[in-house]
Every structure is written in structure tokens, then in C-alpha cells.
Amino acid sequence: MTTWVALFRGINVGSHKRVAMSDLRELLESLGYGDVRTHLQSGNAVFRSSHGTAGKLEVQIAAKLDTELGLDVKVLVRSADDLVALVDSNPFIARRVDPKELHLAFLSKAPPATKLAGLDPDGYAPDEFEVARRALYLRLPNGFQGARLPNLEKVLGVDATLRSWKTVTRLRDLATG
């Protein structure tokens, strides 16, 4: 059994795509996943499964959300090991940046090099970013609302969902604890 973390893009943000966490847990359990836990109301779940790869789980969960709850939601899944590696590799933590300024953008796939080449880091100061394989480490000293970064999905051509560093580390703890 592998421990997985599911990140749901855009649920419970504003009045759209509302899902009770109890309903989300029940939905994941109905797929045969075990030890299902949710974190916060914004669409984070940890569960155990031996049913395939992250990609297969993403498709399965998204399809079930659509058929059972009528929600067209992008789901990104990472193994607990992947999440631990992302946390351990944060370059901003190594620089001792205040964790309150940090976020992680989970990406559906590695962005094309040509798209990354079009991002000028100096153009978004004081915001900073560092590229990982399927993620972007973000330093947003003025918070998410004051961020100068562009719409990452449009610029990079991939699906993305953003989490605060506090949420990322809490999900890591849930997935490994």
C-alpha cells in the first residue's frame, strides 16, 4: 500500500464547487482507498491505496467527483515520498526565508523548457520562484494577494494548484505520520 496525497484544484473557493470534507472522504473510500483523511476545507486528502499510479488515481478521482457530485475538478496526486522530497528540496528553506512567505505550486506535468525560458525571474520581483520537476517553489513576500507572478497555468501550459508552505508541510506530516 502506498500513501498518496490528493490536491483538488478550486473546490471550496468562494461559493463555487462546494464539497463537505465528509463527502470527499466518503467518495475516496468508495473508490476502495483506505485511511482517508482530509486537511482544511480547501481540498486536500491523504489516503492509502495499491490501485496504480498517481496519473491513474487522478483520473479515477476526477471521474468519481464528476459522476457522483457533478464537479469538474482537476485532481493532482503525489505519493508521500514525492511530497517528502519536495519539502526536503525547498531552496528557500535552505536560504532561511520566512516560511510564511512560501508556497508550492503543484503542476500536472513538468513544464516545457521553452515555456520556462519565457519567464524572466527579474520581472516579478520581489516575488521569486524556483523550478522543480512537477512543481514550482514560490516566495511571495507580499502574500498571495500581492503576488506579481502571472497565471502559471496559462504561461506554462500545465494545470496547477497552489498551497501555502504551512499546508504543504502539514500534508507531509499527515502522509508520513
Protein backbone atom coordinates (compact mmCIF):
# COMPACT_ATOMS: atom_id res chain seq x y z
CA MET A 1 0.00 0.00 0.00
CA THR A 2 1.23 3.44 -0.92
CA THR A 3 0.28 6.62 0.88
CA TRP A 4 -0.92 9.31 -1.51
CA VAL A 5 -1.81 12.98 -1.24
CA ALA A 6 -4.62 14.31 -3.44
CA LEU A 7 -4.82 18.03 -4.15
CA PHE A 8 -8.14 19.26 -5.51
CA ARG A 9 -7.98 22.43 -7.57
CA GLY A 10 -10.57 25.08 -6.89
CA ILE A 11 -13.00 23.37 -4.52
CA ASN A 12 -14.49 25.37 -1.66
CA VAL A 13 -13.08 28.62 -3.01
CA GLY A 14 -15.84 31.19 -2.84
CA SER A 15 -19.33 29.86 -3.42
CA HIS A 16 -18.44 27.55 -6.30
CA LYS A 17 -17.64 23.83 -6.22
CA ARG A 18 -18.59 23.35 -2.57
CA VAL A 19 -17.77 19.94 -1.11
CA ALA A 20 -18.05 18.88 2.52
CA MET A 21 -14.89 17.13 3.63
CA SER A 22 -17.02 14.26 4.97
CA ASP A 23 -18.43 13.80 1.45
CA LEU A 24 -14.94 13.90 -0.02
CA ARG A 25 -13.74 11.25 2.44
CA GLU A 26 -16.75 9.05 1.62
CA LEU A 27 -16.11 9.46 -2.11
CA LEU A 28 -12.47 8.39 -1.72
CA GLU A 29 -13.44 5.45 0.49
CA SER A 30 -15.99 4.35 -2.14
CA LEU A 31 -13.07 4.01 -4.56
CA GLY A 32 -11.51 1.48 -2.21
CA TYR A 33 -8.93 3.81 -0.67
CA GLY A 34 -8.06 3.32 2.98
CA ASP A 35 -7.11 5.51 5.92
CA VAL A 36 -8.67 8.56 4.22
CA ARG A 37 -8.06 11.88 5.96
CA THR A 38 -8.68 15.44 4.83
CA HIS A 39 -6.91 18.62 5.77
CA LEU A 40 -8.63 22.01 5.79
CA GLN A 41 -11.71 22.78 3.73
CA SER A 42 -9.80 23.62 0.55
CA GLY A 43 -9.39 20.18 -0.94
CA ASN A 44 -6.51 18.19 0.47
CA ALA A 45 -6.72 14.49 1.20
CA VAL A 46 -4.33 11.78 2.31
CA PHE A 47 -5.16 8.13 1.69
CA ARG A 48 -3.65 4.69 1.15
CA SER A 49 -4.08 2.63 -2.00
CA SER A 50 -2.41 -0.04 -4.05
CA HIS A 51 -4.51 0.82 -7.12
CA GLY A 52 -1.97 2.13 -9.61
CA THR A 53 -0.02 5.24 -10.36
CA ALA A 54 -0.58 8.87 -9.48
CA GLY A 55 -1.89 9.50 -13.00
CA LYS A 56 -4.42 6.69 -12.78
CA LEU A 57 -5.58 7.86 -9.36
CA GLU A 58 -6.01 11.43 -10.67
CA VAL A 59 -8.26 10.22 -13.48
CA GLN A 60 -10.22 7.89 -11.21
CA ILE A 61 -10.85 10.50 -8.53
CA ALA A 62 -11.76 13.25 -11.01
CA ALA A 63 -14.22 10.94 -12.79
CA LYS A 64 -15.87 9.99 -9.50
CA LEU A 65 -16.19 13.66 -8.49
CA ASP A 66 -17.88 14.32 -11.82
CA THR A 67 -20.30 11.37 -11.73
CA GLU A 68 -21.13 11.49 -8.02
CA LEU A 69 -21.05 15.21 -7.25
CA GLY A 70 -21.30 16.82 -10.69
CA LEU A 71 -17.98 18.61 -10.23
CA ASP A 72 -15.44 19.08 -13.00
CA VAL A 73 -12.34 19.36 -10.81
CA LYS A 74 -8.69 18.88 -11.64
CA VAL A 75 -7.02 16.50 -9.18
CA LEU A 76 -3.26 16.27 -8.72
CA VAL A 77 -1.88 13.30 -6.80
CA ARG A 78 1.58 12.84 -5.29
CA SER A 79 2.99 9.94 -3.31
CA ALA A 80 4.08 10.61 0.25
CA ASP A 81 7.67 10.02 -0.90
CA ASP A 82 7.30 12.64 -3.65
CA LEU A 83 5.92 15.13 -1.15
CA VAL A 84 8.76 14.47 1.31
CA ALA A 85 11.29 15.02 -1.48
CA LEU A 86 9.65 18.32 -2.44
CA VAL A 87 9.68 19.53 1.17
CA ASP A 88 13.28 18.48 1.69
CA SER A 89 14.43 20.20 -1.51
CA ASN A 90 12.92 23.64 -0.99
CA PRO A 91 15.70 26.08 -1.92
CA PHE A 92 14.09 28.93 0.01
CA ILE A 93 14.18 26.99 3.27
CA ALA A 94 17.90 26.42 2.67
CA ARG A 95 18.23 30.22 2.36
CA ARG A 96 16.34 30.64 5.65
CA VAL A 97 13.43 32.55 4.11
CA ASP A 98 10.46 33.02 6.43
CA PRO A 99 8.15 30.02 5.76
CA LYS A 100 5.14 32.37 5.89
CA GLU A 101 6.31 33.78 2.53
CA LEU A 102 6.48 30.36 0.87
CA HIS A 103 4.09 28.45 -1.35
CA LEU A 104 4.29 25.43 -3.61
CA ALA A 105 2.60 25.24 -6.98
CA PHE A 106 1.91 21.61 -7.83
CA LEU A 107 1.96 21.10 -11.60
CA SER A 108 0.22 18.39 -13.64
CA LYS A 109 3.45 17.74 -15.53
CA ALA A 110 6.88 19.23 -15.99
CA PRO A 111 6.53 22.49 -17.91
CA PRO A 112 8.15 22.61 -21.34
CA ALA A 113 11.63 24.17 -21.30
CA THR A 114 10.53 26.68 -23.93
CA LYS A 115 7.77 27.93 -21.64
CA LEU A 116 10.14 28.19 -18.67
CA ALA A 117 12.64 30.10 -20.79
CA GLY A 118 9.97 32.74 -21.36
CA LEU A 119 9.74 33.52 -17.64
CA ASP A 120 12.04 36.34 -16.60
CA PRO A 121 12.52 35.99 -12.83
CA ASP A 122 13.56 39.65 -12.51
CA GLY A 123 10.25 40.74 -13.99
CA TYR A 124 8.30 39.56 -10.96
CA ALA A 125 10.41 40.98 -8.12
CA PRO A 126 10.09 40.87 -5.20
CA ASP A 127 8.42 37.50 -5.90
CA GLU A 128 10.76 34.63 -6.62
CA PHE A 129 10.36 31.13 -7.98
CA GLU A 130 12.45 28.01 -8.39
CA VAL A 131 11.55 25.18 -10.72
CA ALA A 132 11.23 21.57 -9.63
CA ARG A 133 10.22 18.61 -11.82
CA ARG A 134 6.44 18.97 -11.41
CA ALA A 135 6.32 21.91 -9.05
CA LEU A 136 7.36 25.50 -8.55
CA TYR A 137 8.68 26.77 -5.25
CA LEU A 138 7.36 30.28 -4.72
CA ARG A 139 8.47 33.07 -2.43
CA LEU A 140 5.76 35.69 -2.19
CA PRO A 141 6.91 38.30 0.38
CA ASN A 142 3.69 40.32 -0.10
CA GLY A 143 1.47 37.23 0.18
CA PHE A 144 -0.57 35.54 -2.49
CA GLN A 145 -2.93 38.50 -2.93
CA GLY A 146 0.02 40.85 -3.50
CA ALA A 147 1.85 38.49 -5.85
CA ARG A 148 3.18 39.75 -9.17
CA LEU A 149 3.52 36.33 -10.78
CA PRO A 150 1.49 35.63 -13.92
CA ASN A 151 -1.21 32.98 -14.26
CA LEU A 152 1.05 29.94 -14.13
CA GLU A 153 -1.36 27.66 -15.96
CA LYS A 154 -1.59 29.99 -18.95
CA VAL A 155 2.11 30.82 -19.08
CA LEU A 156 3.38 27.27 -18.55
CA GLY A 157 0.62 25.39 -20.36
CA VAL A 158 0.02 22.96 -17.46
CA ASP A 159 -2.59 22.56 -14.75
CA ALA A 160 -1.53 23.92 -11.37
CA THR A 161 -2.79 24.17 -7.82
CA LEU A 162 -1.16 26.27 -5.15
CA ARG A 163 -0.68 25.53 -1.45
CA SER A 164 0.89 27.55 1.34
CA TRP A 165 4.09 26.12 2.78
CA LYS A 166 2.31 25.53 6.09
CA THR A 167 -0.27 23.36 4.28
CA VAL A 168 2.43 21.50 2.32
CA THR A 169 4.38 20.61 5.45
CA ARG A 170 1.20 19.61 7.29
CA LEU A 171 0.25 17.32 4.39
CA ARG A 172 3.74 15.82 4.52
CA ASP A 173 3.29 15.18 8.24
CA LEU A 174 -0.13 13.57 7.69
CA ALA A 175 1.23 11.40 4.89
CA THR A 176 4.24 10.20 6.83
CA GLY A 177 2.89 10.12 10.38
